[in-house]
């Protein structure tokens, strides 16, 4: 009888450990998704297919910025929408991965001071079902990670309305 009781106890302990491991794993996965949604509430736009008449509605993230996932030359990238940026600024590593050609160099005034970068042309930039071709861009060695600044060389094709925690982009000239 003792052997049966010991094996039942070990099986019960194993089941309890398995339960807690699964509980912690699923809880961590859920919490990571929750934090990611707080950081980029517009990630779903990377695969959005929108009609030409429908506006794009963006929500501010927890930090108060408009962050959305879109594509440059077909590759997904996270955009920080920046109406103060002249060009779509891409990080150096991302530009190298896309094989972007440099079309001259320039100095840029940024929040971190004056920096030197390279100009380039982006074949296609898309966000939320809208896309634009031949968009002027810059390769910015100071940008880190996989976040590009979505500047006015793309955004100037839209009427922009910001109210409270939302930004609405409509193709220019639409009511």
C-alpha atoms as a PDB file:
ATOM      1  CA  UNK A   1       0.000   0.000   0.000  1.00  0.00           C
ATOM      2  CA  UNK A   2       2.871   2.363   0.706  1.00  0.00           C
ATOM      3  CA  UNK A   3       4.208   2.056  -2.837  1.00  0.00           C
ATOM      4  CA  UNK A   4       0.832   2.903  -4.331  1.00  0.00           C
ATOM      5  CA  UNK A   5       0.498   5.922  -2.033  1.00  0.00           C
ATOM      6  CA  UNK A   6       3.996   7.140  -2.968  1.00  0.00           C
ATOM      7  CA  UNK A   7       3.373   6.863  -6.701  1.00  0.00           C
ATOM      8  CA  UNK A   8       0.001   8.620  -6.377  1.00  0.00           C
ATOM      9  CA  UNK A   9       1.676  11.376  -4.391  1.00  0.00           C
ATOM     10  CA  UNK A  10       4.432  11.782  -7.035  1.00  0.00           C
ATOM     11  CA  UNK A  11       1.846  11.825  -9.829  1.00  0.00           C
ATOM     12  CA  UNK A  12      -0.165  14.449  -7.927  1.00  0.00           C
ATOM     13  CA  UNK A  13       2.964  16.537  -7.355  1.00  0.00           C
ATOM     14  CA  UNK A  14       3.859  16.246 -11.066  1.00  0.00           C
ATOM     15  CA  UNK A  15       0.364  17.341 -12.096  1.00  0.00           C
ATOM     16  CA  UNK A  16       0.529  20.290  -9.715  1.00  0.00           C
ATOM     17  CA  UNK A  17       3.937  21.360 -11.099  1.00  0.00           C
ATOM     18  CA  UNK A  18       2.631  20.980 -14.653  1.00  0.00           C
ATOM     19  CA  UNK A  19      -0.413  23.108 -13.804  1.00  0.00           C
ATOM     20  CA  UNK A  20       1.704  25.911 -12.307  1.00  0.00           C
ATOM     21  CA  UNK A  21       4.185  25.850 -15.201  1.00  0.00           C
ATOM     22  CA  UNK A  22       1.318  26.110 -17.699  1.00  0.00           C
ATOM     23  CA  UNK A  23      -0.365  28.834 -15.618  1.00  0.00           C
ATOM     24  CA  UNK A  24       2.823  30.923 -15.417  1.00  0.00           C
ATOM     25  CA  UNK A  25       3.604  30.368 -19.115  1.00  0.00           C
ATOM     26  CA  UNK A  26       0.127  31.364 -20.288  1.00  0.00           C
ATOM     27  CA  UNK A  27       0.048  34.302 -17.881  1.00  0.00           C
ATOM     28  CA  UNK A  28       3.397  35.560 -19.191  1.00  0.00           C
ATOM     29  CA  UNK A  29       2.219  35.179 -22.799  1.00  0.00           C
ATOM     30  CA  UNK A  30      -0.992  37.102 -22.066  1.00  0.00           C
ATOM     31  CA  UNK A  31       0.821  39.846 -20.149  1.00  0.00           C
ATOM     32  CA  UNK A  32       3.357  40.278 -22.966  1.00  0.00           C
ATOM     33  CA  UNK A  33       0.474  40.675 -25.451  1.00  0.00           C
ATOM     34  CA  UNK A  34      -1.192  43.187 -23.129  1.00  0.00           C
ATOM     35  CA  UNK A  35       1.991  45.271 -22.875  1.00  0.00           C
ATOM     36  CA  UNK A  36       2.543  45.077 -26.647  1.00  0.00           C
ATOM     37  CA  UNK A  37      -1.008  46.339 -27.257  1.00  0.00           C
ATOM     38  CA  UNK A  38      -0.320  49.259 -24.900  1.00  0.00           C
ATOM     39  CA  UNK A  39       2.898  50.107 -26.793  1.00  0.00           C
ATOM     40  CA  UNK A  40       1.472  49.698 -30.318  1.00  0.00           C
ATOM     41  CA  UNK A  41      -2.340  49.776 -30.340  1.00  0.00           C
ATOM     42  CA  UNK A  42      -2.335  50.034 -34.153  1.00  0.00           C
ATOM     43  CA  UNK A  43      -0.306  46.910 -34.969  1.00  0.00           C
ATOM     44  CA  UNK A  44      -3.267  45.426 -36.837  1.00  0.00           C
ATOM     45  CA  UNK A  45      -2.845  47.986 -39.630  1.00  0.00           C
ATOM     46  CA  UNK A  46       0.075  46.064 -41.146  1.00  0.00           C
ATOM     47  CA  UNK A  47      -2.371  43.660 -42.798  1.00  0.00           C
ATOM     48  CA  UNK A  48      -5.301  46.058 -43.264  1.00  0.00           C
ATOM     49  CA  UNK A  49      -6.936  46.299 -46.643  1.00  0.00           C
ATOM     50  CA  UNK A  50      -8.882  49.511 -46.832  1.00  0.00           C
ATOM     51  CA  UNK A  51     -11.042  51.048 -49.481  1.00  0.00           C
ATOM     52  CA  UNK A  52      -9.802  54.297 -50.976  1.00  0.00           C
ATOM     53  CA  UNK A  53     -12.674  56.147 -49.291  1.00  0.00           C
ATOM     54  CA  UNK A  54     -12.201  54.865 -45.750  1.00  0.00           C
ATOM     55  CA  UNK A  55     -10.037  56.892 -43.366  1.00  0.00           C
ATOM     56  CA  UNK A  56      -7.317  55.380 -41.206  1.00  0.00           C
ATOM     57  CA  UNK A  57      -8.025  55.859 -37.495  1.00  0.00           C
ATOM     58  CA  UNK A  58      -5.032  55.601 -35.162  1.00  0.00           C
ATOM     59  CA  UNK A  59      -5.076  55.424 -31.371  1.00  0.00           C
ATOM     60  CA  UNK A  60      -2.377  56.987 -29.165  1.00  0.00           C
ATOM     61  CA  UNK A  61      -0.226  54.543 -27.273  1.00  0.00           C
ATOM     62  CA  UNK A  62       0.280  54.653 -23.542  1.00  0.00           C
ATOM     63  CA  UNK A  63       3.157  57.144 -23.964  1.00  0.00           C
ATOM     64  CA  UNK A  64       0.970  59.516 -25.978  1.00  0.00           C
ATOM     65  CA  UNK A  65       2.533  58.756 -29.384  1.00  0.00           C
ATOM     66  CA  UNK A  66       0.923  57.479 -32.543  1.00  0.00           C
ATOM     67  CA  UNK A  67       2.625  54.180 -33.331  1.00  0.00           C
ATOM     68  CA  UNK A  68       1.450  51.844 -36.083  1.00  0.00           C
ATOM     69  CA  UNK A  69       2.821  48.917 -38.022  1.00  0.00           C
ATOM     70  CA  UNK A  70       3.062  49.371 -41.773  1.00  0.00           C
ATOM     71  CA  UNK A  71       5.370  48.333 -44.596  1.00  0.00           C
ATOM     72  CA  UNK A  72       8.299  49.751 -46.516  1.00  0.00           C
ATOM     73  CA  UNK A  73       9.014  48.000 -49.816  1.00  0.00           C
ATOM     74  CA  UNK A  74       6.829  45.119 -48.610  1.00  0.00           C
ATOM     75  CA  UNK A  75       8.695  44.593 -45.322  1.00  0.00           C
ATOM     76  CA  UNK A  76       6.776  45.175 -42.071  1.00  0.00           C
ATOM     77  CA  UNK A  77       8.106  47.884 -39.797  1.00  0.00           C
ATOM     78  CA  UNK A  78       6.803  49.820 -36.844  1.00  0.00           C
ATOM     79  CA  UNK A  79       6.214  53.508 -37.584  1.00  0.00           C
ATOM     80  CA  UNK A  80       6.283  56.389 -35.156  1.00  0.00           C
ATOM     81  CA  UNK A  81       4.150  59.028 -36.891  1.00  0.00           C
ATOM     82  CA  UNK A  82       6.075  62.287 -36.808  1.00  0.00           C
ATOM     83  CA  UNK A  83       4.515  65.345 -38.453  1.00  0.00           C
ATOM     84  CA  UNK A  84       7.712  67.242 -37.625  1.00  0.00           C
ATOM     85  CA  UNK A  85       9.889  64.931 -39.735  1.00  0.00           C
ATOM     86  CA  UNK A  86      10.414  65.917 -43.363  1.00  0.00           C
ATOM     87  CA  UNK A  87      11.083  62.394 -44.648  1.00  0.00           C
ATOM     88  CA  UNK A  88      10.325  58.808 -43.778  1.00  0.00           C
ATOM     89  CA  UNK A  89      13.424  58.074 -41.694  1.00  0.00           C
ATOM     90  CA  UNK A  90      14.565  54.460 -41.545  1.00  0.00           C
ATOM     91  CA  UNK A  91      17.191  52.926 -39.262  1.00  0.00           C
ATOM     92  CA  UNK A  92      20.525  52.022 -40.846  1.00  0.00           C
ATOM     93  CA  UNK A  93      20.129  48.268 -40.222  1.00  0.00           C
ATOM     94  CA  UNK A  94      16.697  48.175 -41.835  1.00  0.00           C
ATOM     95  CA  UNK A  95      17.975  50.191 -44.835  1.00  0.00           C
ATOM     96  CA  UNK A  96      20.842  47.738 -45.295  1.00  0.00           C
ATOM     97  CA  UNK A  97      18.472  44.769 -45.073  1.00  0.00           C
ATOM     98  CA  UNK A  98      16.269  46.330 -47.790  1.00  0.00           C
ATOM     99  CA  UNK A  99      19.301  47.226 -49.891  1.00  0.00           C
ATOM    100  CA  UNK A 100      18.293  50.884 -50.131  1.00  0.00           C
ATOM    101  CA  UNK A 101      20.515  52.963 -52.361  1.00  0.00           C
ATOM    102  CA  UNK A 102      21.904  56.203 -51.050  1.00  0.00           C
ATOM    103  CA  UNK A 103      21.040  59.274 -53.130  1.00  0.00           C
ATOM    104  CA  UNK A 104      23.207  61.875 -51.415  1.00  0.00           C
ATOM    105  CA  UNK A 105      23.840  62.928 -47.851  1.00  0.00           C
ATOM    106  CA  UNK A 106      22.283  65.639 -45.734  1.00  0.00           C
ATOM    107  CA  UNK A 107      22.232  67.129 -42.263  1.00  0.00           C
ATOM    108  CA  UNK A 108      19.075  66.704 -40.195  1.00  0.00           C
ATOM    109  CA  UNK A 109      17.890  68.619 -37.136  1.00  0.00           C
ATOM    110  CA  UNK A 110      16.488  66.088 -34.669  1.00  0.00           C
ATOM    111  CA  UNK A 111      15.359  66.093 -31.074  1.00  0.00           C
ATOM    112  CA  UNK A 112      18.874  64.862 -30.227  1.00  0.00           C
ATOM    113  CA  UNK A 113      20.611  67.607 -32.183  1.00  0.00           C
ATOM    114  CA  UNK A 114      22.062  67.872 -35.655  1.00  0.00           C
ATOM    115  CA  UNK A 115      22.975  64.569 -37.344  1.00  0.00           C
ATOM    116  CA  UNK A 116      24.266  63.500 -40.723  1.00  0.00           C
ATOM    117  CA  UNK A 117      22.345  60.935 -42.749  1.00  0.00           C
ATOM    118  CA  UNK A 118      21.727  59.797 -46.282  1.00  0.00           C
ATOM    119  CA  UNK A 119      18.807  60.463 -48.591  1.00  0.00           C
ATOM    120  CA  UNK A 120      17.080  57.624 -50.425  1.00  0.00           C
ATOM    121  CA  UNK A 121      13.943  56.739 -52.351  1.00  0.00           C
ATOM    122  CA  UNK A 122      11.473  54.186 -50.996  1.00  0.00           C
ATOM    123  CA  UNK A 123       9.674  52.226 -53.699  1.00  0.00           C
ATOM    124  CA  UNK A 124       6.525  51.817 -51.623  1.00  0.00           C
ATOM    125  CA  UNK A 125       5.322  52.855 -48.176  1.00  0.00           C
ATOM    126  CA  UNK A 126       2.001  51.530 -46.894  1.00  0.00           C
ATOM    127  CA  UNK A 127      -0.098  52.018 -43.803  1.00  0.00           C
ATOM    128  CA  UNK A 128      -3.578  50.691 -43.144  1.00  0.00           C
ATOM    129  CA  UNK A 129      -4.391  49.849 -46.739  1.00  0.00           C
ATOM    130  CA  UNK A 130      -3.048  53.113 -48.169  1.00  0.00           C
ATOM    131  CA  UNK A 131       0.182  53.018 -50.086  1.00  0.00           C
ATOM    132  CA  UNK A 132       2.384  55.537 -51.836  1.00  0.00           C
ATOM    133  CA  UNK A 133       5.163  54.940 -54.323  1.00  0.00           C
ATOM    134  CA  UNK A 134       8.417  56.802 -54.819  1.00  0.00           C
ATOM    135  CA  UNK A 135       8.477  58.250 -51.314  1.00  0.00           C
ATOM    136  CA  UNK A 136      11.477  60.336 -50.278  1.00  0.00           C
ATOM    137  CA  UNK A 137      13.270  58.858 -47.306  1.00  0.00           C
ATOM    138  CA  UNK A 138      16.354  59.201 -45.195  1.00  0.00           C
ATOM    139  CA  UNK A 139      18.707  56.636 -43.742  1.00  0.00           C
ATOM    140  CA  UNK A 140      19.328  57.666 -40.167  1.00  0.00           C
ATOM    141  CA  UNK A 141      22.185  55.953 -38.350  1.00  0.00           C
ATOM    142  CA  UNK A 142      20.920  57.434 -35.052  1.00  0.00           C
ATOM    143  CA  UNK A 143      17.646  55.498 -35.142  1.00  0.00           C
ATOM    144  CA  UNK A 144      17.810  52.306 -33.157  1.00  0.00           C
ATOM    145  CA  UNK A 145      15.918  49.072 -33.482  1.00  0.00           C
ATOM    146  CA  UNK A 146      13.097  48.439 -35.915  1.00  0.00           C
ATOM    147  CA  UNK A 147      11.202  51.740 -35.664  1.00  0.00           C
ATOM    148  CA  UNK A 148      11.004  54.205 -38.550  1.00  0.00           C
ATOM    149  CA  UNK A 149       9.734  57.766 -38.388  1.00  0.00           C
ATOM    150  CA  UNK A 150       6.788  58.219 -40.722  1.00  0.00           C
ATOM    151  CA  UNK A 151       7.360  61.793 -41.824  1.00  0.00           C
ATOM    152  CA  UNK A 152       5.674  64.265 -44.107  1.00  0.00           C
ATOM    153  CA  UNK A 153       7.018  62.806 -47.370  1.00  0.00           C
ATOM    154  CA  UNK A 154       4.301  60.168 -46.800  1.00  0.00           C
ATOM    155  CA  UNK A 155       1.869  62.009 -44.512  1.00  0.00           C
ATOM    156  CA  UNK A 156       1.512  65.049 -46.804  1.00  0.00           C
ATOM    157  CA  UNK A 157      -0.725  62.889 -49.025  1.00  0.00           C
ATOM    158  CA  UNK A 158      -3.357  62.936 -46.273  1.00  0.00           C
ATOM    159  CA  UNK A 159      -5.579  65.365 -44.451  1.00  0.00           C
ATOM    160  CA  UNK A 160      -4.649  64.856 -40.802  1.00  0.00           C
ATOM    161  CA  UNK A 161      -7.070  65.394 -37.950  1.00  0.00           C
ATOM    162  CA  UNK A 162      -5.971  64.915 -34.345  1.00  0.00           C
ATOM    163  CA  UNK A 163      -8.573  64.992 -31.637  1.00  0.00           C
ATOM    164  CA  UNK A 164      -8.057  63.673 -28.104  1.00  0.00           C
ATOM    165  CA  UNK A 165      -6.428  60.246 -28.391  1.00  0.00           C
ATOM    166  CA  UNK A 166      -7.131  59.687 -32.089  1.00  0.00           C
ATOM    167  CA  UNK A 167      -5.525  60.636 -35.359  1.00  0.00           C
ATOM    168  CA  UNK A 168      -7.596  60.297 -38.526  1.00  0.00           C
ATOM    169  CA  UNK A 169      -5.856  60.180 -41.900  1.00  0.00           C
ATOM    170  CA  UNK A 170      -7.934  60.782 -45.026  1.00  0.00           C
ATOM    171  CA  UNK A 171      -6.595  60.977 -48.570  1.00  0.00           C
ATOM    172  CA  UNK A 172      -6.034  64.674 -49.330  1.00  0.00           C
ATOM    173  CA  UNK A 173      -9.058  66.460 -50.711  1.00  0.00           C
ATOM    174  CA  UNK A 174     -11.711  64.076 -49.360  1.00  0.00           C
ATOM    175  CA  UNK A 175     -14.480  65.469 -47.105  1.00  0.00           C
END
